[in-house]
Every structure is written in C-alpha cells, then in structure tokens.
PDB file of N, CA and C in Angstrom:
ATOM      1  N   MET A   1     -48.919 -18.469-141.243  1.00  0.00           N
ATOM      2  CA  MET A   1     -48.064 -18.338-139.683  1.00  0.00           C
ATOM      3  C   MET A   1     -49.691 -17.740-139.226  1.00  0.00           C
ATOM      4  N   ALA A   2     -50.693 -18.131-138.524  1.00  0.00           N
ATOM      5  CA  ALA A   2     -52.156 -18.105-137.878  1.00  0.00           C
ATOM      6  C   ALA A   2     -51.829 -16.998-137.231  1.00  0.00           C
ATOM      7  N   LEU A   3     -53.173 -16.321-137.279  1.00  0.00           N
ATOM      8  CA  LEU A   3     -52.846 -14.349-136.959  1.00  0.00           C
ATOM      9  C   LEU A   3     -52.163 -15.074-135.439  1.00  0.00           C
ATOM     10  N   GLU A   4     -53.009 -15.896-134.423  1.00  0.00           N
ATOM     11  CA  GLU A   4     -53.036 -16.715-133.133  1.00  0.00           C
ATOM     12  C   GLU A   4     -51.613 -16.207-132.864  1.00  0.00           C
ATOM     13  N   HIS A   5     -50.349 -17.501-133.684  1.00  0.00           N
ATOM     14  CA  HIS A   5     -49.453 -17.453-133.128  1.00  0.00           C
ATOM     15  C   HIS A   5     -48.612 -16.332-133.712  1.00  0.00           C
ATOM     16  N   ARG A   6     -49.064 -15.227-134.654  1.00  0.00           N
ATOM     17  CA  ARG A   6     -47.987 -14.221-135.449  1.00  0.00           C
ATOM     18  C   ARG A   6     -47.794 -13.253-134.036  1.00  0.00           C
ATOM     19  N   LEU A   7     -49.022 -12.654-133.095  1.00  0.00           N
ATOM     20  CA  LEU A   7     -49.355 -12.264-131.824  1.00  0.00           C
ATOM     21  C   LEU A   7     -48.634 -12.718-130.971  1.00  0.00           C
ATOM     22  N   ALA A   8     -49.129 -13.860-130.594  1.00  0.00           N
ATOM     23  CA  ALA A   8     -48.268 -14.425-129.543  1.00  0.00           C
ATOM     24  C   ALA A   8     -46.034 -13.774-129.499  1.00  0.00           C
ATOM     25  N   ASP A   9     -45.815 -14.379-131.478  1.00  0.00           N
ATOM     26  CA  ASP A   9     -44.546 -14.104-131.146  1.00  0.00           C
ATOM     27  C   ASP A   9     -44.475 -12.661-130.794  1.00  0.00           C
ATOM     28  N   GLU A  10     -44.967 -11.704-131.752  1.00  0.00           N
ATOM     29  CA  GLU A  10     -45.031 -10.601-131.533  1.00  0.00           C
ATOM     30  C   GLU A  10     -45.454  -9.576-130.008  1.00  0.00           C
ATOM     31  N   ALA A  11     -45.988 -10.352-129.586  1.00  0.00           N
ATOM     32  CA  ALA A  11     -46.118  -9.799-128.106  1.00  0.00           C
ATOM     33  C   ALA A  11     -44.956  -9.437-127.136  1.00  0.00           C
ATOM     34  N   ALA A  12     -44.542 -11.519-127.354  1.00  0.00           N
ATOM     35  CA  ALA A  12     -43.526 -11.721-126.863  1.00  0.00           C
ATOM     36  C   ALA A  12     -42.070 -11.305-127.169  1.00  0.00           C
ATOM     37  N   ALA A  13     -41.979 -10.931-128.436  1.00  0.00           N
ATOM     38  CA  ALA A  13     -40.646 -10.371-128.764  1.00  0.00           C
ATOM     39  C   ALA A  13     -40.990  -8.563-127.972  1.00  0.00           C
ATOM     40  N   LEU A  14     -41.818  -7.765-127.928  1.00  0.00           N
ATOM     41  CA  LEU A  14     -42.344  -6.556-127.592  1.00  0.00           C
ATOM     42  C   LEU A  14     -41.748  -6.538-125.852  1.00  0.00           C
ATOM     43  N   ALA A  15     -42.187  -7.674-125.615  1.00  0.00           N
ATOM     44  CA  ALA A  15     -41.773  -7.474-124.200  1.00  0.00           C
ATOM     45  C   ALA A  15     -40.556  -8.140-123.558  1.00  0.00           C
ATOM     46  N   ALA A  16     -40.219  -8.715-124.557  1.00  0.00           N
ATOM     47  CA  ALA A  16     -38.178  -9.327-124.032  1.00  0.00           C
ATOM     48  C   ALA A  16     -37.721  -7.533-124.135  1.00  0.00           C
ATOM     49  N   ALA A  17     -38.418  -6.719-125.581  1.00  0.00           N
ATOM     50  CA  ALA A  17     -37.541  -5.518-125.854  1.00  0.00           C
ATOM     51  C   ALA A  17     -37.857  -4.324-124.860  1.00  0.00           C
ATOM     52  N   LEU A  18     -38.888  -5.000-124.128  1.00  0.00           N
ATOM     53  CA  LEU A  18     -39.293  -3.229-123.004  1.00  0.00           C
ATOM     54  C   LEU A  18     -38.462  -3.859-122.015  1.00  0.00           C
ATOM     55  N   ALA A  19     -38.129  -4.633-121.762  1.00  0.00           N
ATOM     56  CA  ALA A  19     -36.631  -5.829-120.270  1.00  0.00           C
ATOM     57  C   ALA A  19     -36.037  -4.157-119.966  1.00  0.00           C
ATOM     58  N   GLU A  20     -35.720  -3.564-120.706  1.00  0.00           N
ATOM     59  CA  GLU A  20     -34.625  -2.419-120.853  1.00  0.00           C
ATOM     60  C   GLU A  20     -35.144  -1.182-120.628  1.00  0.00           C
ATOM     61  N   PRO A  21     -34.565  -0.091-119.533  1.00  0.00           N
ATOM     62  CA  PRO A  21     -35.438   0.759-119.562  1.00  0.00           C
ATOM     63  C   PRO A  21     -35.247   1.870-120.855  1.00  0.00           C
ATOM     64  N   LEU A  22     -36.882   2.296-120.941  1.00  0.00           N
ATOM     65  CA  LEU A  22     -36.622   3.299-122.043  1.00  0.00           C
ATOM     66  C   LEU A  22     -35.674   4.181-122.423  1.00  0.00           C
ATOM     67  N   GLY A  23     -35.873   4.743-120.970  1.00  0.00           N
ATOM     68  CA  GLY A  23     -34.501   5.729-120.869  1.00  0.00           C
ATOM     69  C   GLY A  23     -33.080   5.907-121.650  1.00  0.00           C
ATOM     70  N   ALA A  24     -32.930   4.336-121.493  1.00  0.00           N
ATOM     71  CA  ALA A  24     -31.369   4.023-121.675  1.00  0.00           C
ATOM     72  C   ALA A  24     -31.629   3.740-123.149  1.00  0.00           C
ATOM     73  N   VAL A  25     -32.261   3.642-123.820  1.00  0.00           N
ATOM     74  CA  VAL A  25     -32.844   2.976-125.210  1.00  0.00           C
ATOM     75  C   VAL A  25     -32.386   4.254-126.770  1.00  0.00           C
ATOM     76  N   GLY A  26     -31.395   4.181-127.421  1.00  0.00           N
ATOM     77  CA  GLY A  26     -31.613   4.963-128.415  1.00  0.00           C
ATOM     78  C   GLY A  26     -32.518   5.269-129.570  1.00  0.00           C
ATOM     79  N   ASP A  27     -32.702   6.073-130.056  1.00  0.00           N
ATOM     80  CA  ASP A  27     -33.178   7.225-131.447  1.00  0.00           C
ATOM     81  C   ASP A  27     -34.275   5.824-132.132  1.00  0.00           C
ATOM     82  N   ASP A  28     -33.343   5.298-132.188  1.00  0.00           N
ATOM     83  CA  ASP A  28     -32.856   4.409-133.651  1.00  0.00           C
ATOM     84  C   ASP A  28     -34.422   2.985-132.633  1.00  0.00           C
ATOM     85  N   ARG A  29     -33.729   2.091-131.660  1.00  0.00           N
ATOM     86  CA  ARG A  29     -34.672   1.470-130.749  1.00  0.00           C
ATOM     87  C   ARG A  29     -36.394   1.959-130.510  1.00  0.00           C
ATOM     88  N   LEU A  30     -36.306   3.194-130.263  1.00  0.00           N
ATOM     89  CA  LEU A  30     -37.466   3.818-129.804  1.00  0.00           C
ATOM     90  C   LEU A  30     -38.571   3.413-130.809  1.00  0.00           C
ATOM     91  N   ARG A  31     -37.986   3.717-132.294  1.00  0.00           N
ATOM     92  CA  ARG A  31     -38.647   3.757-133.181  1.00  0.00           C
ATOM     93  C   ARG A  31     -38.798   2.719-133.708  1.00  0.00           C
ATOM     94  N   ASP A  32     -38.146   1.666-133.629  1.00  0.00           N
ATOM     95  CA  ASP A  32     -38.164   0.216-133.759  1.00  0.00           C
ATOM     96  C   ASP A  32     -39.667  -0.808-132.750  1.00  0.00           C
ATOM     97  N   LEU A  33     -38.924   0.307-131.704  1.00  0.00           N
ATOM     98  CA  LEU A  33     -40.562  -0.521-130.381  1.00  0.00           C
ATOM     99  C   LEU A  33     -41.999   0.594-130.939  1.00  0.00           C
ATOM    100  N   ILE A  34     -41.924   1.199-131.305  1.00  0.00           N
ATOM    101  CA  ILE A  34     -43.352   2.030-131.864  1.00  0.00           C
ATOM    102  C   ILE A  34     -43.519   1.147-132.910  1.00  0.00           C
ATOM    103  N   GLY A  35     -42.892   0.677-133.874  1.00  0.00           N
ATOM    104  CA  GLY A  35     -43.387  -0.008-134.982  1.00  0.00           C
ATOM    105  C   GLY A  35     -43.783  -1.238-134.529  1.00  0.00           C
ATOM    106  N   MET A  36     -43.599  -2.000-133.518  1.00  0.00           N
ATOM    107  CA  MET A  36     -43.569  -2.962-132.608  1.00  0.00           C
ATOM    108  C   MET A  36     -45.039  -2.873-131.617  1.00  0.00           C
ATOM    109  N   ILE A  37     -44.916  -1.802-130.628  1.00  0.00           N
ATOM    110  CA  ILE A  37     -47.064  -1.469-130.470  1.00  0.00           C
ATOM    111  C   ILE A  37     -47.599  -1.451-131.848  1.00  0.00           C
ATOM    112  N   GLY A  38     -47.469  -1.030-132.780  1.00  0.00           N
ATOM    113  CA  GLY A  38     -48.660  -0.939-133.532  1.00  0.00           C
ATOM    114  C   GLY A  38     -48.743  -2.296-134.240  1.00  0.00           C
ATOM    115  N   SER A  39     -47.700  -3.199-134.942  1.00  0.00           N
ATOM    116  CA  SER A  39     -47.485  -4.833-134.833  1.00  0.00           C
ATOM    117  C   SER A  39     -48.771  -4.654-134.219  1.00  0.00           C
ATOM    118  N   VAL A  40     -48.343  -5.000-132.681  1.00  0.00           N
ATOM    119  CA  VAL A  40     -48.621  -6.129-132.078  1.00  0.00           C
ATOM    120  C   VAL A  40     -50.872  -5.662-131.560  1.00  0.00           C
ATOM    121  N   ARG A  41     -50.973  -4.079-131.824  1.00  0.00           N
ATOM    122  CA  ARG A  41     -51.820  -3.358-131.577  1.00  0.00           C
ATOM    123  C   ARG A  41     -53.115  -4.448-133.128  1.00  0.00           C
ATOM    124  N   ARG A  42     -52.087  -4.232-134.190  1.00  0.00           N
ATOM    125  CA  ARG A  42     -52.819  -4.376-135.777  1.00  0.00           C
ATOM    126  C   ARG A  42     -53.408  -6.127-135.023  1.00  0.00           C
ATOM    127  N   LEU A  43     -52.223  -6.676-134.638  1.00  0.00           N
ATOM    128  CA  LEU A  43     -52.682  -8.351-134.696  1.00  0.00           C
ATOM    129  C   LEU A  43     -54.078  -8.287-133.324  1.00  0.00           C
ATOM    130  N   VAL A  44     -53.599  -7.820-132.862  1.00  0.00           N
ATOM    131  CA  VAL A  44     -54.963  -8.064-132.064  1.00  0.00           C
ATOM    132  C   VAL A  44     -56.085  -7.386-132.317  1.00  0.00           C
ATOM    133  N   ASP A  45     -56.561  -6.198-133.412  1.00  0.00           N
ATOM    134  CA  ASP A  45     -57.478  -5.820-133.764  1.00  0.00           C
ATOM    135  C   ASP A  45     -58.046  -7.374-134.874  1.00  0.00           C
ATOM    136  N   ALA A  46     -57.031  -7.528-135.487  1.00  0.00           N
ATOM    137  CA  ALA A  46     -57.425  -8.532-136.021  1.00  0.00           C
ATOM    138  C   ALA A  46     -57.522 -10.022-135.573  1.00  0.00           C
ATOM    139  N   VAL A  47     -57.122  -9.993-134.754  1.00  0.00           N
ATOM    140  CA  VAL A  47     -57.881 -11.565-133.674  1.00  0.00           C
ATOM    141  C   VAL A  47     -59.008 -11.544-133.113  1.00  0.00           C
ATOM    142  N   GLY A  48     -58.925 -10.327-132.109  1.00  0.00           N
ATOM    143  CA  GLY A  48     -60.330  -9.355-131.852  1.00  0.00           C
ATOM    144  C   GLY A  48     -61.553  -9.334-132.425  1.00  0.00           C
ATOM    145  N   VAL A  49     -61.663  -9.379-134.149  1.00  0.00           N
ATOM    146  CA  VAL A  49     -62.444  -9.435-134.663  1.00  0.00           C
ATOM    147  C   VAL A  49     -62.964 -10.542-134.887  1.00  0.00           C
ATOM    148  N   ARG A  50     -62.000 -11.545-134.957  1.00  0.00           N
ATOM    149  CA  ARG A  50     -62.131 -12.344-135.292  1.00  0.00           C
ATOM    150  C   ARG A  50     -63.634 -13.692-134.290  1.00  0.00           C
ATOM    151  N   ILE A  51     -62.756 -12.997-132.905  1.00  0.00           N
ATOM    152  CA  ILE A  51     -63.212 -13.816-131.426  1.00  0.00           C
ATOM    153  C   ILE A  51     -64.663 -13.123-131.698  1.00  0.00           C
ATOM    154  N   ALA A  52     -64.447 -11.670-132.062  1.00  0.00           N
ATOM    155  CA  ALA A  52     -66.281 -10.941-131.930  1.00  0.00           C
ATOM    156  C   ALA A  52     -66.843 -11.185-132.578  1.00  0.00           C
ATOM    157  N   GLY A  53     -66.355 -11.851-133.745  1.00  0.00           N
ATOM    158  CA  GLY A  53     -67.583 -12.477-135.263  1.00  0.00           C
ATOM    159  C   GLY A  53     -68.368 -13.797-134.660  1.00  0.00           C
ATOM    160  N   GLU A  54     -67.063 -14.284-134.262  1.00  0.00           N
ATOM    161  CA  GLU A  54     -67.832 -15.764-133.489  1.00  0.00           C
ATOM    162  C   GLU A  54     -69.119 -15.458-132.197  1.00  0.00           C
ATOM    163  N   LEU A  55     -68.341 -14.420-131.248  1.00  0.00           N
ATOM    164  CA  LEU A  55     -69.406 -14.103-130.530  1.00  0.00           C
ATOM    165  C   LEU A  55     -70.801 -13.723-130.644  1.00  0.00           C
ATOM    166  N   ALA A  56     -70.114 -12.497-131.618  1.00  0.00           N
ATOM    167  CA  ALA A  56     -71.636 -12.362-132.228  1.00  0.00           C
ATOM    168  C   ALA A  56     -72.381 -13.562-132.874  1.00  0.00           C
ATOM    169  N   ARG A  57     -71.913 -14.301-134.133  1.00  0.00           N
ATOM    170  CA  ARG A  57     -72.680 -15.566-134.303  1.00  0.00           C
ATOM    171  C   ARG A  57     -73.671 -16.126-132.878  1.00  0.00           C
ATOM    172  N   ARG A  58     -72.883 -16.552-131.843  1.00  0.00           N
ATOM    173  CA  ARG A  58     -73.504 -17.569-131.113  1.00  0.00           C
ATOM    174  C   ARG A  58     -74.142 -16.693-129.988  1.00  0.00           C
ATOM    175  N   CYS A  59     -74.359 -14.847-130.059  1.00  0.00           N
ATOM    176  CA  CYS A  59     -75.250 -14.634-129.730  1.00  0.00           C
ATOM    177  C   CYS A  59     -76.655 -14.726-130.020  1.00  0.00           C
ATOM    178  N   ASP A  60     -76.448 -14.513-131.806  1.00  0.00           N
ATOM    179  CA  ASP A  60     -77.479 -14.353-132.231  1.00  0.00           C
ATOM    180  C   ASP A  60     -78.374 -15.462-132.513  1.00  0.00           C
ATOM    181  N   GLU A  61     -77.702 -16.858-132.455  1.00  0.00           N
ATOM    182  CA  GLU A  61     -77.821 -18.226-132.607  1.00  0.00           C
ATOM    183  C   GLU A  61     -78.537 -18.927-131.593  1.00  0.00           C
ATOM    184  N   GLY A  62     -77.520 -18.742-130.045  1.00  0.00           N
ATOM    185  CA  GLY A  62     -78.155 -18.948-128.325  1.00  0.00           C
ATOM    186  C   GLY A  62     -78.217 -17.419-127.880  1.00  0.00           C
ATOM    187  N   ALA A  63     -78.930 -16.449-127.985  1.00  0.00           N
ATOM    188  CA  ALA A  63     -78.620 -15.205-127.055  1.00  0.00           C
ATOM    189  C   ALA A  63     -77.339 -15.603-125.812  1.00  0.00           C
ATOM    190  N   LEU A  64     -76.248 -15.830-126.094  1.00  0.00           N
ATOM    191  CA  LEU A  64     -75.370 -15.783-125.125  1.00  0.00           C
ATOM    192  C   LEU A  64     -74.982 -14.618-124.536  1.00  0.00           C
ATOM    193  N   ALA A  65     -75.453 -13.679-124.697  1.00  0.00           N
ATOM    194  CA  ALA A  65     -74.910 -12.268-124.939  1.00  0.00           C
ATOM    195  C   ALA A  65     -76.530 -12.264-123.237  1.00  0.00           C
ATOM    196  N   VAL A  66     -77.373 -12.438-123.228  1.00  0.00           N
ATOM    197  CA  VAL A  66     -78.142 -12.056-122.302  1.00  0.00           C
ATOM    198  C   VAL A  66     -78.099 -13.472-121.095  1.00  0.00           C
ATOM    199  N   ARG A  67     -77.202 -14.055-121.339  1.00  0.00           N
ATOM    200  CA  ARG A  67     -76.750 -15.343-120.328  1.00  0.00           C
ATOM    201  C   ARG A  67     -75.935 -14.722-119.641  1.00  0.00           C
ATOM    202  N   TRP A  68     -74.685 -14.316-120.207  1.00  0.00           N
ATOM    203  CA  TRP A  68     -73.908 -13.266-119.692  1.00  0.00           C
ATOM    204  C   TRP A  68     -74.355 -12.715-119.008  1.00  0.00           C
ATOM    205  N   GLY A  69     -75.632 -12.433-119.160  1.00  0.00           N
ATOM    206  CA  GLY A  69     -76.187 -10.803-118.494  1.00  0.00           C
ATOM    207  C   GLY A  69     -76.287  -9.478-119.127  1.00  0.00           C
ATOM    208  N   GLU A  70     -75.638  -9.060-120.669  1.00  0.00           N
ATOM    209  CA  GLU A  70     -75.494  -8.097-121.250  1.00  0.00           C
ATOM    210  C   GLU A  70     -76.577  -8.068-122.208  1.00  0.00           C
ATOM    211  N   ARG A  71     -76.566  -6.876-123.439  1.00  0.00           N
ATOM    212  CA  ARG A  71     -77.903  -7.084-123.381  1.00  0.00           C
ATOM    213  C   ARG A  71     -77.277  -7.476-125.638  1.00  0.00           C
ATOM    214  N   SER A  72     -75.942  -7.496-125.863  1.00  0.00           N
ATOM    215  CA  SER A  72     -75.675  -7.414-126.964  1.00  0.00           C
ATOM    216  C   SER A  72     -73.967  -8.089-126.741  1.00  0.00           C
ATOM    217  N   ALA A  73     -73.698  -8.692-128.181  1.00  0.00           N
ATOM    218  CA  ALA A  73     -72.224  -8.994-128.148  1.00  0.00           C
ATOM    219  C   ALA A  73     -71.585  -8.071-128.138  1.00  0.00           C
ATOM    220  N   ALA A  74     -71.985  -6.704-128.261  1.00  0.00           N
ATOM    221  CA  ALA A  74     -70.318  -6.014-128.176  1.00  0.00           C
ATOM    222  C   ALA A  74     -70.899  -5.457-126.870  1.00  0.00           C
ATOM    223  N   ALA A  75     -71.824  -5.485-125.969  1.00  0.00           N
ATOM    224  CA  ALA A  75     -71.707  -5.112-124.927  1.00  0.00           C
ATOM    225  C   ALA A  75     -71.080  -5.565-124.342  1.00  0.00           C
ATOM    226  N   VAL A  76     -71.076  -7.378-124.210  1.00  0.00           N
ATOM    227  CA  VAL A  76     -70.179  -8.366-123.667  1.00  0.00           C
ATOM    228  C   VAL A  76     -68.690  -7.792-124.038  1.00  0.00           C
ATOM    229  N   LEU A  77     -68.118  -7.837-125.526  1.00  0.00           N
ATOM    230  CA  LEU A  77     -67.043  -7.364-125.508  1.00  0.00           C
ATOM    231  C   LEU A  77     -66.162  -5.594-124.905  1.00  0.00           C
ATOM    232  N   ALA A  78     -67.237  -5.060-124.654  1.00  0.00           N
ATOM    233  CA  ALA A  78     -67.248  -3.594-124.097  1.00  0.00           C
ATOM    234  C   ALA A  78     -66.327  -3.733-122.099  1.00  0.00           C
ATOM    235  N   VAL A  79     -67.857  -4.879-121.628  1.00  0.00           N
ATOM    236  CA  VAL A  79     -67.209  -5.171-120.564  1.00  0.00           C
ATOM    237  C   VAL A  79     -65.797  -6.213-120.282  1.00  0.00           C
ATOM    238  N   GLU A  80     -66.057  -6.949-120.739  1.00  0.00           N
ATOM    239  CA  GLU A  80     -65.302  -8.606-120.854  1.00  0.00           C
ATOM    240  C   GLU A  80     -63.698  -7.825-121.149  1.00  0.00           C
ATOM    241  N   ALA A  81     -63.893  -6.961-122.717  1.00  0.00           N
ATOM    242  CA  ALA A  81     -62.110  -6.962-122.914  1.00  0.00           C
ATOM    243  C   ALA A  81     -61.786  -4.955-122.302  1.00  0.00           C
ATOM    244  N   GLY A  82     -62.417  -4.619-121.579  1.00  0.00           N
ATOM    245  CA  GLY A  82     -62.342  -3.015-121.534  1.00  0.00           C
ATOM    246  C   GLY A  82     -62.234  -2.527-122.828  1.00  0.00           C
ATOM    247  N   LEU A  83     -63.067  -2.869-123.986  1.00  0.00           N
ATOM    248  CA  LEU A  83     -63.009  -1.679-125.081  1.00  0.00           C
ATOM    249  C   LEU A  83     -63.927  -0.553-124.768  1.00  0.00           C
ATOM    250  N   ASP A  84     -63.499   0.718-125.332  1.00  0.00           N
ATOM    251  CA  ASP A  84     -64.924   1.405-125.189  1.00  0.00           C
ATOM    252  C   ASP A  84     -65.647   0.864-126.428  1.00  0.00           C
ATOM    253  N   PRO A  85     -67.374   0.780-125.785  1.00  0.00           N
ATOM    254  CA  PRO A  85     -68.238   0.532-126.828  1.00  0.00           C
ATOM    255  C   PRO A  85     -68.953   0.600-128.725  1.00  0.00           C
ATOM    256  N   ALA A  86     -68.187   1.998-128.640  1.00  0.00           N
ATOM    257  CA  ALA A  86     -67.974   2.494-130.254  1.00  0.00           C
ATOM    258  C   ALA A  86     -66.973   1.138-130.934  1.00  0.00           C
ATOM    259  N   GLU A  87     -65.727   0.621-130.172  1.00  0.00           N
ATOM    260  CA  GLU A  87     -65.014   0.247-131.152  1.00  0.00           C
ATOM    261  C   GLU A  87     -65.118  -1.331-131.121  1.00  0.00           C
ATOM    262  N   ALA A  88     -66.000  -2.089-129.381  1.00  0.00           N
ATOM    263  CA  ALA A  88     -66.829  -3.027-129.681  1.00  0.00           C
ATOM    264  C   ALA A  88     -67.667  -3.435-130.347  1.00  0.00           C
ATOM    265  N   GLN A  89     -68.404  -2.818-130.845  1.00  0.00           N
ATOM    266  CA  GLN A  89     -69.130  -2.730-132.179  1.00  0.00           C
ATOM    267  C   GLN A  89     -68.744  -2.971-133.242  1.00  0.00           C
ATOM    268  N   ASP A  90     -67.540  -1.656-133.978  1.00  0.00           N
ATOM    269  CA  ASP A  90     -67.182  -1.827-134.717  1.00  0.00           C
ATOM    270  C   ASP A  90     -66.406  -3.639-134.859  1.00  0.00           C
ATOM    271  N   TRP A  91     -66.103  -3.955-133.830  1.00  0.00           N
ATOM    272  CA  TRP A  91     -65.121  -5.853-133.909  1.00  0.00           C
ATOM    273  C   TRP A  91     -66.251  -6.390-133.953  1.00  0.00           C
ATOM    274  N   CYS A  92     -67.865  -6.161-133.688  1.00  0.00           N
ATOM    275  CA  CYS A  92     -68.656  -7.201-133.805  1.00  0.00           C
ATOM    276  C   CYS A  92     -68.921  -7.350-135.317  1.00  0.00           C
ATOM    277  N   GLU A  93     -69.298  -6.246-135.822  1.00  0.00           N
ATOM    278  CA  GLU A  93     -69.896  -6.090-137.225  1.00  0.00           C
ATOM    279  C   GLU A  93     -68.452  -6.249-138.432  1.00  0.00           C
ATOM    280  N   VAL A  94     -67.218  -5.613-137.903  1.00  0.00           N
ATOM    281  CA  VAL A  94     -66.565  -6.438-138.909  1.00  0.00           C
ATOM    282  C   VAL A  94     -66.286  -7.821-138.684  1.00  0.00           C
ATOM    283  N   GLY A  95     -66.366  -8.932-137.686  1.00  0.00           N
ATOM    284  CA  GLY A  95     -66.452 -10.025-136.686  1.00  0.00           C
ATOM    285  C   GLY A  95     -67.782 -10.615-137.694  1.00  0.00           C
ATOM    286  N   ALA A  96     -68.665 -10.146-138.123  1.00  0.00           N
ATOM    287  CA  ALA A  96     -70.114 -10.912-138.770  1.00  0.00           C
ATOM    288  C   ALA A  96     -69.767 -11.017-139.726  1.00  0.00           C
ATOM    289  N   GLN A  97     -68.877 -10.467-140.444  1.00  0.00           N
ATOM    290  CA  GLN A  97     -68.553 -10.346-141.932  1.00  0.00           C
ATOM    291  C   GLN A  97     -67.376 -10.976-142.615  1.00  0.00           C
ATOM    292  N   VAL A  98     -66.752 -11.206-141.396  1.00  0.00           N
ATOM    293  CA  VAL A  98     -65.553 -12.809-141.580  1.00  0.00           C
ATOM    294  C   VAL A  98     -65.479 -13.776-140.751  1.00  0.00           C
ATOM    295  N   VAL A  99     -66.518 -13.898-140.007  1.00  0.00           N
ATOM    296  CA  VAL A  99     -66.641 -15.231-139.598  1.00  0.00           C
ATOM    297  C   VAL A  99     -67.876 -16.000-140.211  1.00  0.00           C
ATOM    298  N   PRO A 100     -67.785 -17.369-140.600  1.00  0.00           N
ATOM    299  CA  PRO A 100     -68.109 -18.562-141.602  1.00  0.00           C
ATOM    300  C   PRO A 100     -69.722 -18.502-140.816  1.00  0.00           C
ATOM    301  N   ARG A 101     -70.287 -18.411-141.602  1.00  0.00           N
ATOM    302  CA  ARG A 101     -71.931 -19.338-141.187  1.00  0.00           C
ATOM    303  C   ARG A 101     -71.876 -20.640-141.855  1.00  0.00           C
ATOM    304  N   LEU A 102     -73.009 -21.171-140.874  1.00  0.00           N
ATOM    305  CA  LEU A 102     -73.432 -22.282-141.146  1.00  0.00           C
ATOM    306  C   LEU A 102     -74.979 -22.401-141.886  1.00  0.00           C
ATOM    307  N   SER A 103     -74.901 -23.176-142.914  1.00  0.00           N
ATOM    308  CA  SER A 103     -76.683 -23.688-143.276  1.00  0.00           C
ATOM    309  C   SER A 103     -77.710 -24.575-142.118  1.00  0.00           C
ATOM    310  N   LEU A 104     -78.532 -24.769-142.190  1.00  0.00           N
ATOM    311  CA  LEU A 104     -79.119 -25.843-141.337  1.00  0.00           C
ATOM    312  C   LEU A 104     -78.630 -26.968-141.185  1.00  0.00           C
ATOM    313  N   ALA A 105     -78.298 -27.557-142.724  1.00  0.00           N
ATOM    314  CA  ALA A 105     -77.623 -28.397-142.887  1.00  0.00           C
ATOM    315  C   ALA A 105     -76.237 -28.969-142.626  1.00  0.00           C
ATOM    316  N   GLY A 106     -75.581 -27.491-141.650  1.00  0.00           N
ATOM    317  CA  GLY A 106     -74.327 -27.512-141.697  1.00  0.00           C
ATOM    318  C   GLY A 106     -72.630 -27.852-142.164  1.00  0.00           C
ATOM    319  N   ARG A 107     -73.697 -26.744-143.268  1.00  0.00           N
ATOM    320  CA  ARG A 107     -72.249 -26.474-144.548  1.00  0.00           C
ATOM    321  C   ARG A 107     -72.169 -25.013-144.301  1.00  0.00           C
ATOM    322  N   ILE A 108     -70.897 -24.468-144.646  1.00  0.00           N
ATOM    323  CA  ILE A 108     -70.578 -23.180-144.646  1.00  0.00           C
ATOM    324  C   ILE A 108     -71.139 -22.511-145.644  1.00  0.00           C
ATOM    325  N   CYS A 109     -71.584 -21.434-145.616  1.00  0.00           N
ATOM    326  CA  CYS A 109     -71.976 -20.409-146.459  1.00  0.00           C
ATOM    327  C   CYS A 109     -71.466 -19.807-146.960  1.00  0.00           C
ATOM    328  N   PRO A 110     -71.316 -19.425-148.252  1.00  0.00           N
ATOM    329  CA  PRO A 110     -70.693 -18.870-148.894  1.00  0.00           C
ATOM    330  C   PRO A 110     -71.318 -17.376-148.439  1.00  0.00           C
ATOM    331  N   ARG A 111     -69.887 -15.979-148.326  1.00  0.00           N
ATOM    332  CA  ARG A 111     -70.016 -14.983-147.924  1.00  0.00           C
ATOM    333  C   ARG A 111     -70.885 -14.481-149.023  1.00  0.00           C
ATOM    334  N   VAL A 112     -71.835 -13.169-149.336  1.00  0.00           N
ATOM    335  CA  VAL A 112     -72.458 -12.732-149.932  1.00  0.00           C
ATOM    336  C   VAL A 112     -71.608 -11.178-150.057  1.00  0.00           C
ATOM    337  N   ALA A 113     -71.397 -10.353-151.290  1.00  0.00           N
ATOM    338  CA  ALA A 113     -70.813  -9.552-150.997  1.00  0.00           C
ATOM    339  C   ALA A 113     -71.632  -8.476-150.985  1.00  0.00           C
ATOM    340  N   ARG A 114     -71.470  -7.307-150.472  1.00  0.00           N
ATOM    341  CA  ARG A 114     -72.497  -6.094-150.560  1.00  0.00           C
ATOM    342  C   ARG A 114     -72.723  -4.693-151.333  1.00  0.00           C
TER     343      ARG A 114
END
C-alpha cells in the first residue's frame, strides 16, 4: 500500500479512536493511542520527505521558492507547513536524496551512493 494511503487510513483510525473522551479510556487503550500517534507521525515524516524532495527539485530547477516569496525550499516548508526551520531543512536534505532526478533526455538518473 502506498505511504499516502497508509497515512490516510491510520490518521482516520486515530481520529475515530479519539472520539471517546481521553479520561474515559483505560491504560491499555491509552498505550494504543500513543502507538497510533507514533505511527501517524512517522508516516507524516515519510510523506513529508517525499514532498520536500519534489519541492527542492522544483526550486533547484525553476526557482519556485523565489516565485512563492521565499529564499529556499526549506523556507517554503517552514512557512507553509508550520515546521521548525531545522526540521524543514532536514526534510529537504533527505528528500533530495530519495526523489528521482531526470536527465536532460527525460530519463530517470540512478542514485549515486555517498
């Protein structure tokens, strides 16, 4: 299943679970909720990194950040997603490593290990 679908499914499950008052849940259910939050957060980070990588690619290739009034992809993320600037920078750095690059001929370039 694609990350985006997993995120949607798990976020919906968390939202449904939070329909009951937290004061009324037992200890085991509270532990389950904590685990659900961790899972959703990891999925948000994974999807966010992919989006940040695409944003960074577009900023590198077409100065998208400047057109949007910011100086970098990380600045766009920090403002638009409400992220801490350091976290936005981390997402962009990791994202740049995972988003496929295209050659001038339109072919996907292989990743080079560092």
